[in-house]
Amino acid sequence: MGSQDTEDWIERSRNIDRDLQQAWSLVKLSSESGMWNFRTRRQPTGGDDLAEILKRLEEGVAQTRSISRQVRESSRQAQQWDSIFSDRFVDLLARLGEAIADPDANVKALRSDVNSLADDLSREDLPGMMWPLYGSLIASMRIIIDVVDDVATANPVRA
């Protein structure tokens, strides 16, 4: 994972942030339009559900950016990752990307494999200085998996 790759990931996450801001604007506009339409006098529907989805997506983007920044800083400091961690983490990261691309993907096995990585690493004799990084990356990945699962199974998304 090179420095340019991580810079690209960070920039992509910023683009997603801009898309989310636009989505927030549309949700707010839709809600206001429904409230002020005197001909139909209908109550806005689905806005709260969509707002929750947007909040979860924002959280997922923030965690993705966190992973990118941590990988970037690790490479800037010329930290050598242990292959026991890096091989499995990169594989899990690729699988997570596939799950994000496929809303029907089941993330249960992925979640289990991330937990197994954490369990296995806790028994390894890895360099102590890398544990904060590894733990943070695993924690961020767990949050993203939960976000993917929550968003993919949300009713407004499935409707």
N, C-alpha and C. Protein backbone atom coordinates (compact mmCIF):
# COMPACT_ATOMS: atom_id res chain seq x y z
N MET A 1 0.84 -1.17 0.00
CA MET A 1 0.00 0.00 0.00
C MET A 1 0.89 1.24 0.00
N GLY A 2 0.87 1.92 -1.09
CA GLY A 2 1.73 3.08 -1.21
C GLY A 2 1.08 4.35 -0.72
N SER A 3 1.90 5.37 -0.58
CA SER A 3 1.43 6.66 -0.10
C SER A 3 0.39 7.25 -1.05
N GLN A 4 0.61 7.08 -2.36
CA GLN A 4 -0.36 7.61 -3.32
C GLN A 4 -1.71 6.90 -3.21
N ASP A 5 -1.67 5.60 -2.95
CA ASP A 5 -2.92 4.86 -2.76
C ASP A 5 -3.72 5.44 -1.61
N THR A 6 -3.05 5.67 -0.49
CA THR A 6 -3.78 6.19 0.67
C THR A 6 -4.27 7.60 0.43
N GLU A 7 -3.51 8.40 -0.29
CA GLU A 7 -3.99 9.75 -0.63
C GLU A 7 -5.22 9.66 -1.52
N ASP A 8 -5.24 8.70 -2.45
CA ASP A 8 -6.41 8.50 -3.30
C ASP A 8 -7.62 8.07 -2.47
N TRP A 9 -7.40 7.19 -1.50
CA TRP A 9 -8.51 6.76 -0.64
C TRP A 9 -9.07 7.93 0.14
N ILE A 10 -8.20 8.76 0.66
CA ILE A 10 -8.65 9.92 1.44
C ILE A 10 -9.44 10.87 0.55
N GLU A 11 -8.96 11.10 -0.65
CA GLU A 11 -9.67 12.00 -1.58
C GLU A 11 -11.02 11.41 -1.97
N ARG A 12 -11.08 10.10 -2.19
CA ARG A 12 -12.36 9.47 -2.51
C ARG A 12 -13.34 9.62 -1.35
N SER A 13 -12.84 9.50 -0.13
CA SER A 13 -13.73 9.66 1.02
C SER A 13 -14.26 11.09 1.10
N ARG A 14 -13.45 12.06 0.70
CA ARG A 14 -13.93 13.44 0.66
C ARG A 14 -15.03 13.61 -0.39
N ASN A 15 -14.87 12.94 -1.52
CA ASN A 15 -15.91 12.98 -2.56
C ASN A 15 -17.21 12.37 -2.05
N ILE A 16 -17.09 11.29 -1.30
CA ILE A 16 -18.29 10.67 -0.73
C ILE A 16 -18.93 11.61 0.28
N ASP A 17 -18.11 12.32 1.06
CA ASP A 17 -18.65 13.32 1.99
C ASP A 17 -19.47 14.37 1.25
N ARG A 18 -18.97 14.82 0.11
CA ARG A 18 -19.72 15.80 -0.68
C ARG A 18 -21.04 15.21 -1.18
N ASP A 19 -21.01 13.95 -1.60
CA ASP A 19 -22.24 13.28 -2.02
C ASP A 19 -23.23 13.16 -0.87
N LEU A 20 -22.72 12.87 0.31
CA LEU A 20 -23.59 12.77 1.48
C LEU A 20 -24.21 14.12 1.83
N GLN A 21 -23.44 15.18 1.70
CA GLN A 21 -23.99 16.52 1.95
C GLN A 21 -25.12 16.82 0.97
N GLN A 22 -24.95 16.42 -0.27
CA GLN A 22 -26.01 16.63 -1.26
C GLN A 22 -27.24 15.79 -0.89
N ALA A 23 -27.01 14.55 -0.44
CA ALA A 23 -28.13 13.70 -0.03
C ALA A 23 -28.87 14.31 1.15
N TRP A 24 -28.12 14.87 2.13
CA TRP A 24 -28.76 15.55 3.26
C TRP A 24 -29.63 16.70 2.77
N SER A 25 -29.13 17.46 1.81
CA SER A 25 -29.91 18.58 1.27
C SER A 25 -31.20 18.10 0.64
N LEU A 26 -31.13 17.01 -0.10
CA LEU A 26 -32.33 16.47 -0.75
C LEU A 26 -33.33 15.94 0.27
N VAL A 27 -32.86 15.28 1.31
CA VAL A 27 -33.76 14.78 2.35
C VAL A 27 -34.45 15.96 3.04
N LYS A 28 -33.69 16.99 3.36
CA LYS A 28 -34.28 18.16 4.02
C LYS A 28 -35.28 18.86 3.10
N LEU A 29 -34.94 19.00 1.83
CA LEU A 29 -35.84 19.63 0.86
C LEU A 29 -37.13 18.83 0.73
N SER A 30 -37.00 17.53 0.64
CA SER A 30 -38.18 16.67 0.52
C SER A 30 -39.07 16.79 1.75
N SER A 31 -38.45 16.80 2.90
CA SER A 31 -39.22 16.93 4.15
C SER A 31 -39.95 18.27 4.20
N GLU A 32 -39.25 19.34 3.86
CA GLU A 32 -39.86 20.67 3.87
C GLU A 32 -40.96 20.79 2.83
N SER A 33 -40.75 20.19 1.67
CA SER A 33 -41.76 20.25 0.61
C SER A 33 -43.04 19.57 1.05
N GLY A 34 -42.90 18.44 1.72
CA GLY A 34 -44.08 17.72 2.19
C GLY A 34 -44.83 18.48 3.27
N MET A 35 -44.09 19.16 4.12
CA MET A 35 -44.73 19.91 5.21
C MET A 35 -45.44 21.15 4.69
N TRP A 36 -44.93 21.78 3.65
CA TRP A 36 -45.49 23.04 3.17
C TRP A 36 -46.43 22.89 1.98
N ASN A 37 -46.68 21.68 1.54
CA ASN A 37 -47.60 21.45 0.44
C ASN A 37 -49.03 21.41 0.99
N PHE A 38 -49.74 22.54 0.85
CA PHE A 38 -51.07 22.66 1.44
C PHE A 38 -52.13 21.87 0.67
N ARG A 39 -51.85 21.52 -0.57
CA ARG A 39 -52.83 20.74 -1.32
C ARG A 39 -52.94 19.32 -0.78
N THR A 40 -51.82 18.75 -0.40
CA THR A 40 -51.87 17.36 0.07
C THR A 40 -51.80 17.26 1.59
N ARG A 41 -51.25 18.27 2.23
CA ARG A 41 -51.10 18.31 3.68
C ARG A 41 -50.66 16.96 4.24
N ARG A 42 -49.72 16.39 3.58
CA ARG A 42 -49.23 15.08 4.04
C ARG A 42 -48.05 15.26 4.99
N GLN A 43 -47.90 14.29 5.83
CA GLN A 43 -46.74 14.27 6.72
C GLN A 43 -45.57 13.65 5.96
N PRO A 44 -44.39 14.16 6.15
CA PRO A 44 -43.24 13.57 5.49
C PRO A 44 -43.06 12.12 5.95
N THR A 45 -42.72 11.27 5.01
CA THR A 45 -42.51 9.86 5.34
C THR A 45 -41.11 9.44 4.96
N GLY A 46 -40.53 8.64 5.78
CA GLY A 46 -39.23 8.08 5.46
C GLY A 46 -38.05 8.97 5.74
N GLY A 47 -38.28 10.24 6.03
CA GLY A 47 -37.18 11.17 6.24
C GLY A 47 -36.30 10.80 7.42
N ASP A 48 -36.94 10.35 8.50
CA ASP A 48 -36.17 9.96 9.68
C ASP A 48 -35.32 8.73 9.38
N ASP A 49 -35.90 7.77 8.66
CA ASP A 49 -35.14 6.58 8.30
C ASP A 49 -33.95 6.93 7.40
N LEU A 50 -34.21 7.81 6.44
CA LEU A 50 -33.12 8.22 5.55
C LEU A 50 -32.04 8.99 6.30
N ALA A 51 -32.46 9.80 7.26
CA ALA A 51 -31.49 10.55 8.06
C ALA A 51 -30.60 9.59 8.85
N GLU A 52 -31.19 8.54 9.39
CA GLU A 52 -30.39 7.55 10.14
C GLU A 52 -29.41 6.84 9.22
N ILE A 53 -29.84 6.53 8.01
CA ILE A 53 -28.95 5.89 7.04
C ILE A 53 -27.80 6.82 6.69
N LEU A 54 -28.11 8.09 6.47
CA LEU A 54 -27.05 9.05 6.14
C LEU A 54 -26.06 9.21 7.28
N LYS A 55 -26.56 9.20 8.51
CA LYS A 55 -25.66 9.28 9.67
C LYS A 55 -24.73 8.07 9.71
N ARG A 56 -25.28 6.88 9.46
CA ARG A 56 -24.46 5.67 9.47
C ARG A 56 -23.42 5.72 8.34
N LEU A 57 -23.85 6.21 7.17
CA LEU A 57 -22.90 6.32 6.06
C LEU A 57 -21.77 7.30 6.39
N GLU A 58 -22.12 8.39 7.04
CA GLU A 58 -21.09 9.35 7.46
C GLU A 58 -20.09 8.69 8.40
N GLU A 59 -20.60 7.87 9.30
CA GLU A 59 -19.73 7.16 10.23
C GLU A 59 -18.81 6.19 9.48
N GLY A 60 -19.36 5.48 8.52
CA GLY A 60 -18.55 4.56 7.72
C GLY A 60 -17.46 5.27 6.94
N VAL A 61 -17.79 6.42 6.38
CA VAL A 61 -16.80 7.21 5.64
C VAL A 61 -15.70 7.71 6.58
N ALA A 62 -16.09 8.14 7.77
CA ALA A 62 -15.10 8.61 8.75
C ALA A 62 -14.15 7.48 9.14
N GLN A 63 -14.68 6.28 9.31
CA GLN A 63 -13.83 5.14 9.67
C GLN A 63 -12.92 4.75 8.51
N THR A 64 -13.44 4.84 7.31
CA THR A 64 -12.62 4.55 6.13
C THR A 64 -11.47 5.54 6.03
N ARG A 65 -11.77 6.80 6.26
CA ARG A 65 -10.72 7.82 6.22
C ARG A 65 -9.71 7.57 7.35
N SER A 66 -10.17 7.13 8.49
CA SER A 66 -9.27 6.83 9.60
C SER A 66 -8.31 5.70 9.21
N ILE A 67 -8.83 4.64 8.61
CA ILE A 67 -7.96 3.55 8.16
C ILE A 67 -6.93 4.09 7.17
N SER A 68 -7.37 4.88 6.22
CA SER A 68 -6.47 5.42 5.20
C SER A 68 -5.36 6.26 5.83
N ARG A 69 -5.74 7.11 6.75
CA ARG A 69 -4.75 7.98 7.39
C ARG A 69 -3.76 7.17 8.23
N GLN A 70 -4.24 6.18 8.92
CA GLN A 70 -3.34 5.37 9.73
C GLN A 70 -2.36 4.58 8.87
N VAL A 71 -2.84 4.06 7.75
CA VAL A 71 -1.95 3.35 6.83
C VAL A 71 -0.92 4.33 6.27
N ARG A 72 -1.37 5.53 5.90
CA ARG A 72 -0.46 6.55 5.38
C ARG A 72 0.61 6.91 6.40
N GLU A 73 0.21 7.17 7.63
CA GLU A 73 1.17 7.54 8.66
C GLU A 73 2.14 6.41 8.96
N SER A 74 1.66 5.19 8.93
CA SER A 74 2.52 4.04 9.16
C SER A 74 3.59 3.95 8.08
N SER A 75 3.18 4.21 6.83
CA SER A 75 4.17 4.15 5.75
C SER A 75 5.14 5.32 5.81
N ARG A 76 4.67 6.48 6.24
CA ARG A 76 5.56 7.64 6.38
C ARG A 76 6.62 7.41 7.45
N GLN A 77 6.23 6.68 8.48
CA GLN A 77 7.16 6.39 9.57
C GLN A 77 7.99 5.14 9.28
N ALA A 78 7.84 4.60 8.09
CA ALA A 78 8.57 3.42 7.63
C ALA A 78 8.41 2.25 8.60
N GLN A 79 7.18 2.12 9.13
CA GLN A 79 6.91 1.01 10.02
C GLN A 79 6.68 -0.25 9.19
N GLN A 80 7.36 -1.30 9.56
CA GLN A 80 7.21 -2.59 8.87
C GLN A 80 6.07 -3.36 9.54
N TRP A 81 5.05 -3.65 8.79
CA TRP A 81 3.92 -4.41 9.33
C TRP A 81 4.29 -5.88 9.40
N ASP A 82 3.83 -6.53 10.43
CA ASP A 82 4.04 -7.96 10.57
C ASP A 82 3.18 -8.68 9.54
N SER A 83 3.75 -9.64 8.85
CA SER A 83 3.01 -10.34 7.79
C SER A 83 1.82 -11.13 8.34
N ILE A 84 1.91 -11.57 9.60
CA ILE A 84 0.79 -12.27 10.21
C ILE A 84 -0.44 -11.38 10.20
N PHE A 85 -0.23 -10.09 10.46
CA PHE A 85 -1.33 -9.14 10.45
C PHE A 85 -1.64 -8.67 9.03
N SER A 86 -0.64 -8.20 8.33
CA SER A 86 -0.90 -7.50 7.06
C SER A 86 -1.54 -8.39 6.01
N ASP A 87 -1.13 -9.64 5.89
CA ASP A 87 -1.72 -10.52 4.87
C ASP A 87 -3.22 -10.71 5.11
N ARG A 88 -3.56 -10.97 6.34
CA ARG A 88 -4.98 -11.20 6.66
C ARG A 88 -5.77 -9.90 6.60
N PHE A 89 -5.18 -8.81 7.08
CA PHE A 89 -5.90 -7.54 7.09
C PHE A 89 -6.20 -7.08 5.66
N VAL A 90 -5.24 -7.18 4.77
CA VAL A 90 -5.44 -6.76 3.38
C VAL A 90 -6.52 -7.63 2.73
N ASP A 91 -6.51 -8.93 3.02
CA ASP A 91 -7.54 -9.82 2.48
C ASP A 91 -8.92 -9.41 3.00
N LEU A 92 -9.01 -9.14 4.30
CA LEU A 92 -10.29 -8.72 4.88
C LEU A 92 -10.75 -7.38 4.32
N LEU A 93 -9.80 -6.48 4.10
CA LEU A 93 -10.12 -5.18 3.52
C LEU A 93 -10.70 -5.34 2.11
N ALA A 94 -10.12 -6.25 1.33
CA ALA A 94 -10.63 -6.52 -0.02
C ALA A 94 -12.04 -7.10 0.05
N ARG A 95 -12.26 -8.02 0.97
CA ARG A 95 -13.59 -8.61 1.13
C ARG A 95 -14.60 -7.57 1.59
N LEU A 96 -14.17 -6.66 2.44
CA LEU A 96 -15.06 -5.59 2.89
C LEU A 96 -15.45 -4.70 1.71
N GLY A 97 -14.49 -4.38 0.85
CA GLY A 97 -14.78 -3.60 -0.34
C GLY A 97 -15.80 -4.29 -1.23
N GLU A 98 -15.67 -5.60 -1.37
CA GLU A 98 -16.65 -6.36 -2.16
C GLU A 98 -18.03 -6.32 -1.53
N ALA A 99 -18.08 -6.39 -0.19
CA ALA A 99 -19.37 -6.32 0.50
C ALA A 99 -20.02 -4.95 0.33
N ILE A 100 -19.22 -3.91 0.32
CA ILE A 100 -19.75 -2.57 0.11
C ILE A 100 -20.32 -2.44 -1.29
N ALA A 101 -19.66 -3.05 -2.25
CA ALA A 101 -20.11 -2.98 -3.65
C ALA A 101 -21.36 -3.82 -3.90
N ASP A 102 -21.63 -4.82 -3.06
CA ASP A 102 -22.77 -5.70 -3.24
C ASP A 102 -23.71 -5.58 -2.04
N PRO A 103 -24.77 -4.78 -2.16
CA PRO A 103 -25.67 -4.56 -1.02
C PRO A 103 -26.33 -5.84 -0.50
N ASP A 104 -26.37 -6.88 -1.31
CA ASP A 104 -26.99 -8.14 -0.87
C ASP A 104 -26.00 -9.07 -0.18
N ALA A 105 -24.75 -8.66 -0.09
CA ALA A 105 -23.73 -9.51 0.52
C ALA A 105 -24.01 -9.70 2.01
N ASN A 106 -23.75 -10.90 2.48
CA ASN A 106 -23.88 -11.20 3.89
C ASN A 106 -22.53 -10.95 4.55
N VAL A 107 -22.51 -10.08 5.54
CA VAL A 107 -21.24 -9.72 6.18
C VAL A 107 -20.97 -10.53 7.44
N LYS A 108 -21.82 -11.50 7.73
CA LYS A 108 -21.65 -12.29 8.95
C LYS A 108 -20.30 -13.01 8.97
N ALA A 109 -19.94 -13.65 7.87
CA ALA A 109 -18.66 -14.37 7.81
C ALA A 109 -17.49 -13.39 7.90
N LEU A 110 -17.63 -12.24 7.28
CA LEU A 110 -16.57 -11.23 7.33
C LEU A 110 -16.38 -10.75 8.77
N ARG A 111 -17.47 -10.48 9.46
CA ARG A 111 -17.40 -10.04 10.85
C ARG A 111 -16.71 -11.11 11.70
N SER A 112 -17.06 -12.35 11.47
CA SER A 112 -16.46 -13.46 12.21
C SER A 112 -14.96 -13.56 11.93
N ASP A 113 -14.55 -13.36 10.68
CA ASP A 113 -13.14 -13.44 10.32
C ASP A 113 -12.33 -12.28 10.91
N VAL A 114 -12.93 -11.10 11.00
CA VAL A 114 -12.25 -9.97 11.63
C VAL A 114 -12.06 -10.25 13.12
N ASN A 115 -13.09 -10.81 13.74
CA ASN A 115 -12.97 -11.17 15.16
C ASN A 115 -11.91 -12.25 15.37
N SER A 116 -11.84 -13.19 14.44
CA SER A 116 -10.82 -14.24 14.52
C SER A 116 -9.42 -13.65 14.40
N LEU A 117 -9.26 -12.67 13.52
CA LEU A 117 -7.96 -12.02 13.38
C LEU A 117 -7.57 -11.39 14.71
N ALA A 118 -8.48 -10.67 15.33
CA ALA A 118 -8.17 -10.04 16.61
C ALA A 118 -7.82 -11.09 17.66
N ASP A 119 -8.60 -12.17 17.70
CA ASP A 119 -8.33 -13.24 18.67
C ASP A 119 -6.97 -13.88 18.42
N ASP A 120 -6.68 -14.19 17.16
CA ASP A 120 -5.42 -14.84 16.81
C ASP A 120 -4.23 -13.95 17.13
N LEU A 121 -4.36 -12.67 16.82
CA LEU A 121 -3.24 -11.76 17.05
C LEU A 121 -2.99 -11.55 18.54
N SER A 122 -4.03 -11.69 19.34
CA SER A 122 -3.84 -11.50 20.78
C SER A 122 -2.99 -12.61 21.38
N ARG A 123 -2.83 -13.70 20.64
CA ARG A 123 -2.01 -14.81 21.11
C ARG A 123 -0.61 -14.83 20.49
N GLU A 124 -0.37 -13.94 19.51
CA GLU A 124 0.92 -13.90 18.82
C GLU A 124 1.91 -13.01 19.57
N ASP A 125 3.16 -13.23 19.31
CA ASP A 125 4.22 -12.41 19.89
C ASP A 125 4.60 -11.34 18.88
N LEU A 126 3.71 -10.37 18.71
CA LEU A 126 3.94 -9.30 17.74
C LEU A 126 4.63 -8.13 18.43
N PRO A 127 5.31 -7.31 17.63
CA PRO A 127 5.97 -6.14 18.23
C PRO A 127 4.98 -5.24 18.95
N GLY A 128 5.30 -4.87 20.18
CA GLY A 128 4.41 -4.08 21.01
C GLY A 128 4.05 -2.73 20.43
N MET A 129 4.95 -2.11 19.70
CA MET A 129 4.68 -0.78 19.16
C MET A 129 3.59 -0.78 18.09
N MET A 130 3.32 -1.93 17.48
CA MET A 130 2.35 -1.99 16.40
C MET A 130 0.93 -2.28 16.90
N TRP A 131 0.79 -2.73 18.13
CA TRP A 131 -0.53 -3.09 18.63
C TRP A 131 -1.54 -1.95 18.58
N PRO A 132 -1.18 -0.74 18.95
CA PRO A 132 -2.19 0.33 18.85
C PRO A 132 -2.69 0.50 17.41
N LEU A 133 -1.79 0.42 16.45
CA LEU A 133 -2.20 0.55 15.05
C LEU A 133 -3.10 -0.61 14.64
N TYR A 134 -2.66 -1.84 14.90
CA TYR A 134 -3.44 -3.01 14.51
C TYR A 134 -4.82 -2.99 15.17
N GLY A 135 -4.85 -2.67 16.45
CA GLY A 135 -6.12 -2.64 17.16
C GLY A 135 -7.06 -1.59 16.60
N SER A 136 -6.53 -0.44 16.29
CA SER A 136 -7.34 0.64 15.73
C SER A 136 -7.89 0.27 14.36
N LEU A 137 -7.05 -0.34 13.53
CA LEU A 137 -7.50 -0.75 12.19
C LEU A 137 -8.59 -1.81 12.28
N ILE A 138 -8.42 -2.75 13.19
CA ILE A 138 -9.44 -3.79 13.36
C ILE A 138 -10.74 -3.18 13.88
N ALA A 139 -10.64 -2.27 14.85
CA ALA A 139 -11.84 -1.62 15.40
C ALA A 139 -12.57 -0.83 14.32
N SER A 140 -11.83 -0.10 13.50
CA SER A 140 -12.46 0.66 12.41
C SER A 140 -13.13 -0.27 11.41
N MET A 141 -12.49 -1.38 11.11
CA MET A 141 -13.07 -2.33 10.17
C MET A 141 -14.37 -2.91 10.74
N ARG A 142 -14.40 -3.20 12.02
CA ARG A 142 -15.62 -3.72 12.64
C ARG A 142 -16.76 -2.71 12.51
N ILE A 143 -16.47 -1.46 12.72
CA ILE A 143 -17.51 -0.42 12.61
C ILE A 143 -18.02 -0.34 11.18
N ILE A 144 -17.12 -0.38 10.22
CA ILE A 144 -17.54 -0.31 8.81
C ILE A 144 -18.41 -1.51 8.46
N ILE A 145 -18.06 -2.68 8.94
CA ILE A 145 -18.88 -3.87 8.69
C ILE A 145 -20.28 -3.67 9.26
N ASP A 146 -20.37 -3.14 10.46
CA ASP A 146 -21.69 -2.87 11.06
C ASP A 146 -22.47 -1.85 10.23
N VAL A 147 -21.79 -0.83 9.74
CA VAL A 147 -22.45 0.19 8.91
C VAL A 147 -22.97 -0.45 7.63
N VAL A 148 -22.14 -1.25 6.98
CA VAL A 148 -22.56 -1.92 5.74
C VAL A 148 -23.79 -2.77 6.01
N ASP A 149 -23.77 -3.52 7.08
CA ASP A 149 -24.91 -4.37 7.42
C ASP A 149 -26.15 -3.54 7.73
N ASP A 150 -26.00 -2.49 8.53
CA ASP A 150 -27.13 -1.64 8.89
C ASP A 150 -27.75 -0.96 7.67
N VAL A 151 -26.92 -0.42 6.82
CA VAL A 151 -27.42 0.32 5.67
C VAL A 151 -28.05 -0.64 4.66
N ALA A 152 -27.41 -1.77 4.43
CA ALA A 152 -27.94 -2.72 3.45
C ALA A 152 -29.29 -3.31 3.87
N THR A 153 -29.52 -3.41 5.17
CA THR A 153 -30.77 -4.02 5.63
C THR A 153 -31.83 -3.00 6.02
N ALA A 154 -31.52 -1.71 5.88
CA ALA A 154 -32.50 -0.67 6.22
C ALA A 154 -33.67 -0.71 5.25
N ASN A 155 -34.87 -0.49 5.79
CA ASN A 155 -36.08 -0.55 4.98
C ASN A 155 -36.10 0.41 3.81
N PRO A 156 -35.74 1.70 3.98
CA PRO A 156 -35.79 2.59 2.82
C PRO A 156 -34.84 2.16 1.70
N VAL A 157 -33.76 1.49 2.06
CA VAL A 157 -32.82 1.03 1.03
C VAL A 157 -33.40 -0.16 0.31
N ARG A 158 -34.06 -1.02 1.03
CA ARG A 158 -34.63 -2.25 0.45
C ARG A 158 -35.93 -1.99 -0.29
N ALA A 159 -36.58 -0.90 -0.04
CA ALA A 159 -37.89 -0.63 -0.65
C ALA A 159 -37.77 -0.36 -2.12
